[in-house]
Amino acid sequence: MNIYVGNLSFEANEEDVRNLFESYGEVSSVKIITDRVSGKSRGFGFVEMPDENAARTAISEANGQDLRGRALTVNEARPRNDSRGGGGGYRDRGRF
């Protein structure tokens, strides 16, 4: 299961997040999202856990938990929408 972890402290690293979630079960991967230009954390990331029951326990128990001075927002990640938008194009706007 893919888990969204928000409200991360900018000082939190992947090891901090992994250590927290490993207390609930096996962690396949941890990825903190960073700014492309500065390389600094954007304050959120994702944790992948192979056991759905462990992942659901982690979500319920880690949500609101303090990590480096910030209360985490933890929930099941929504599937990524790969359409990047900005397509423009002609729209009729309801005129027939």
C-alpha atoms as a PDB file:
ATOM      1  CA  MET A   1       0.000   0.000   0.000  1.00  0.00           C
ATOM      2  CA  ASN A   2       1.219   3.490  -0.808  1.00  0.00           C
ATOM      3  CA  ILE A   3       0.882   5.968   2.076  1.00  0.00           C
ATOM      4  CA  TYR A   4       0.948   9.762   1.871  1.00  0.00           C
ATOM      5  CA  VAL A   5       2.836  11.498   4.687  1.00  0.00           C
ATOM      6  CA  GLY A   6       2.267  15.255   4.894  1.00  0.00           C
ATOM      7  CA  ASN A   7       3.261  18.141   7.143  1.00  0.00           C
ATOM      8  CA  LEU A   8       6.821  16.808   7.339  1.00  0.00           C
ATOM      9  CA  SER A   9       9.380  19.010   8.985  1.00  0.00           C
ATOM     10  CA  PHE A  10      11.871  20.304   6.409  1.00  0.00           C
ATOM     11  CA  GLU A  11      14.594  18.770   8.615  1.00  0.00           C
ATOM     12  CA  ALA A  12      13.022  15.277   8.509  1.00  0.00           C
ATOM     13  CA  ASN A  13      14.836  12.797   6.304  1.00  0.00           C
ATOM     14  CA  GLU A  14      13.910   9.442   4.771  1.00  0.00           C
ATOM     15  CA  GLU A  15      15.585   7.560   7.627  1.00  0.00           C
ATOM     16  CA  ASP A  16      13.395   9.380  10.197  1.00  0.00           C
ATOM     17  CA  VAL A  17      10.250   8.451   8.273  1.00  0.00           C
ATOM     18  CA  ARG A  18      11.408   4.856   7.697  1.00  0.00           C
ATOM     19  CA  ASN A  19      12.148   4.395  11.418  1.00  0.00           C
ATOM     20  CA  LEU A  20       8.674   5.605  12.356  1.00  0.00           C
ATOM     21  CA  PHE A  21       6.846   3.367   9.877  1.00  0.00           C
ATOM     22  CA  GLU A  22       9.007   0.286  10.471  1.00  0.00           C
ATOM     23  CA  SER A  23       7.598   0.167  13.991  1.00  0.00           C
ATOM     24  CA  TYR A  24       4.312  -0.906  12.317  1.00  0.00           C
ATOM     25  CA  GLY A  25       5.733  -3.383   9.803  1.00  0.00           C
ATOM     26  CA  GLU A  26       7.956  -3.869   6.758  1.00  0.00           C
ATOM     27  CA  VAL A  27       8.650  -0.765   4.681  1.00  0.00           C
ATOM     28  CA  SER A  28       9.454  -1.276   0.987  1.00  0.00           C
ATOM     29  CA  SER A  29      10.383   2.320   0.210  1.00  0.00           C
ATOM     30  CA  VAL A  30      10.348   5.884   1.510  1.00  0.00           C
ATOM     31  CA  LYS A  31      10.459   8.932  -0.750  1.00  0.00           C
ATOM     32  CA  ILE A  32      10.439  12.529   0.462  1.00  0.00           C
ATOM     33  CA  ILE A  33       9.463  14.843  -2.382  1.00  0.00           C
ATOM     34  CA  THR A  34      11.977  17.609  -3.040  1.00  0.00           C
ATOM     35  CA  ASP A  35      11.949  20.813  -5.038  1.00  0.00           C
ATOM     36  CA  ARG A  36      13.617  20.318  -8.436  1.00  0.00           C
ATOM     37  CA  VAL A  37      15.528  23.584  -8.288  1.00  0.00           C
ATOM     38  CA  SER A  38      16.593  23.890  -4.654  1.00  0.00           C
ATOM     39  CA  GLY A  39      16.617  20.200  -3.734  1.00  0.00           C
ATOM     40  CA  LYS A  40      14.897  21.043  -0.423  1.00  0.00           C
ATOM     41  CA  SER A  41      12.015  19.020   0.978  1.00  0.00           C
ATOM     42  CA  ARG A  42       8.530  20.100  -0.081  1.00  0.00           C
ATOM     43  CA  GLY A  43       7.154  18.873   3.269  1.00  0.00           C
ATOM     44  CA  PHE A  44       5.559  15.634   2.133  1.00  0.00           C
ATOM     45  CA  GLY A  45       6.451  12.179   0.969  1.00  0.00           C
ATOM     46  CA  PHE A  46       5.331   8.603   0.429  1.00  0.00           C
ATOM     47  CA  VAL A  47       5.887   5.315   2.234  1.00  0.00           C
ATOM     48  CA  GLU A  48       5.285   1.960   0.575  1.00  0.00           C
ATOM     49  CA  MET A  49       4.330  -0.960   2.828  1.00  0.00           C
ATOM     50  CA  PRO A  50       3.674  -4.430   1.326  1.00  0.00           C
ATOM     51  CA  ASP A  51       1.355  -5.628   4.125  1.00  0.00           C
ATOM     52  CA  GLU A  52      -1.993  -3.843   3.840  1.00  0.00           C
ATOM     53  CA  ASN A  53      -2.983  -4.573   7.456  1.00  0.00           C
ATOM     54  CA  ALA A  54       0.287  -3.136   8.777  1.00  0.00           C
ATOM     55  CA  ALA A  55      -0.144  -0.134   6.467  1.00  0.00           C
ATOM     56  CA  ARG A  56      -3.664   0.555   7.743  1.00  0.00           C
ATOM     57  CA  THR A  57      -2.426   0.334  11.335  1.00  0.00           C
ATOM     58  CA  ALA A  58       0.425   2.721  10.493  1.00  0.00           C
ATOM     59  CA  ILE A  59      -1.993   5.187   8.898  1.00  0.00           C
ATOM     60  CA  SER A  60      -4.323   5.258  11.894  1.00  0.00           C
ATOM     61  CA  GLU A  61      -1.585   5.396  14.525  1.00  0.00           C
ATOM     62  CA  ALA A  62       0.952   7.692  12.818  1.00  0.00           C
ATOM     63  CA  ASN A  63      -1.625  10.295  11.770  1.00  0.00           C
ATOM     64  CA  GLY A  64      -1.163  13.263  14.115  1.00  0.00           C
ATOM     65  CA  GLN A  65       2.033  11.828  15.605  1.00  0.00           C
ATOM     66  CA  ASP A  66       4.893  14.266  16.166  1.00  0.00           C
ATOM     67  CA  LEU A  67       8.017  13.885  14.017  1.00  0.00           C
ATOM     68  CA  ARG A  68      10.719  16.520  14.510  1.00  0.00           C
ATOM     69  CA  GLY A  69       8.251  19.014  15.947  1.00  0.00           C
ATOM     70  CA  ARG A  70       5.422  18.644  13.392  1.00  0.00           C
ATOM     71  CA  ALA A  71       2.174  16.668  13.662  1.00  0.00           C
ATOM     72  CA  LEU A  72       2.055  14.363  10.644  1.00  0.00           C
ATOM     73  CA  THR A  73      -0.855  14.031   8.250  1.00  0.00           C
ATOM     74  CA  VAL A  74      -0.979  10.392   7.177  1.00  0.00           C
ATOM     75  CA  ASN A  75      -3.464   8.717   4.843  1.00  0.00           C
ATOM     76  CA  GLU A  76      -3.702   6.302   1.942  1.00  0.00           C
ATOM     77  CA  ALA A  77      -2.137   7.872  -1.124  1.00  0.00           C
ATOM     78  CA  ARG A  78      -4.470   8.595  -4.009  1.00  0.00           C
ATOM     79  CA  PRO A  79      -3.439   7.302  -7.433  1.00  0.00           C
ATOM     80  CA  ARG A  80      -1.334   9.790  -9.335  1.00  0.00           C
ATOM     81  CA  ASN A  81      -3.057  11.654 -12.132  1.00  0.00           C
ATOM     82  CA  ASP A  82      -0.503  11.663 -14.944  1.00  0.00           C
ATOM     83  CA  SER A  83      -2.296  14.268 -17.028  1.00  0.00           C
ATOM     84  CA  ARG A  84      -0.206  17.320 -16.320  1.00  0.00           C
ATOM     85  CA  GLY A  85      -2.863  19.790 -17.477  1.00  0.00           C
ATOM     86  CA  GLY A  86      -2.069  22.955 -19.347  1.00  0.00           C
ATOM     87  CA  GLY A  87      -3.321  21.460 -22.603  1.00  0.00           C
ATOM     88  CA  GLY A  88      -5.247  24.511 -23.662  1.00  0.00           C
ATOM     89  CA  GLY A  89      -7.099  23.864 -26.858  1.00  0.00           C
ATOM     90  CA  TYR A  90     -10.429  25.074 -28.134  1.00  0.00           C
ATOM     91  CA  ARG A  91     -13.537  24.899 -25.958  1.00  0.00           C
ATOM     92  CA  ASP A  92     -16.963  25.738 -27.248  1.00  0.00           C
ATOM     93  CA  ARG A  93     -18.101  27.100 -23.848  1.00  0.00           C
ATOM     94  CA  GLY A  94     -21.676  25.978 -24.469  1.00  0.00           C
ATOM     95  CA  ARG A  95     -22.342  28.022 -27.627  1.00  0.00           C
ATOM     96  CA  PHE A  96     -24.105  26.025 -30.312  1.00  0.00           C
END
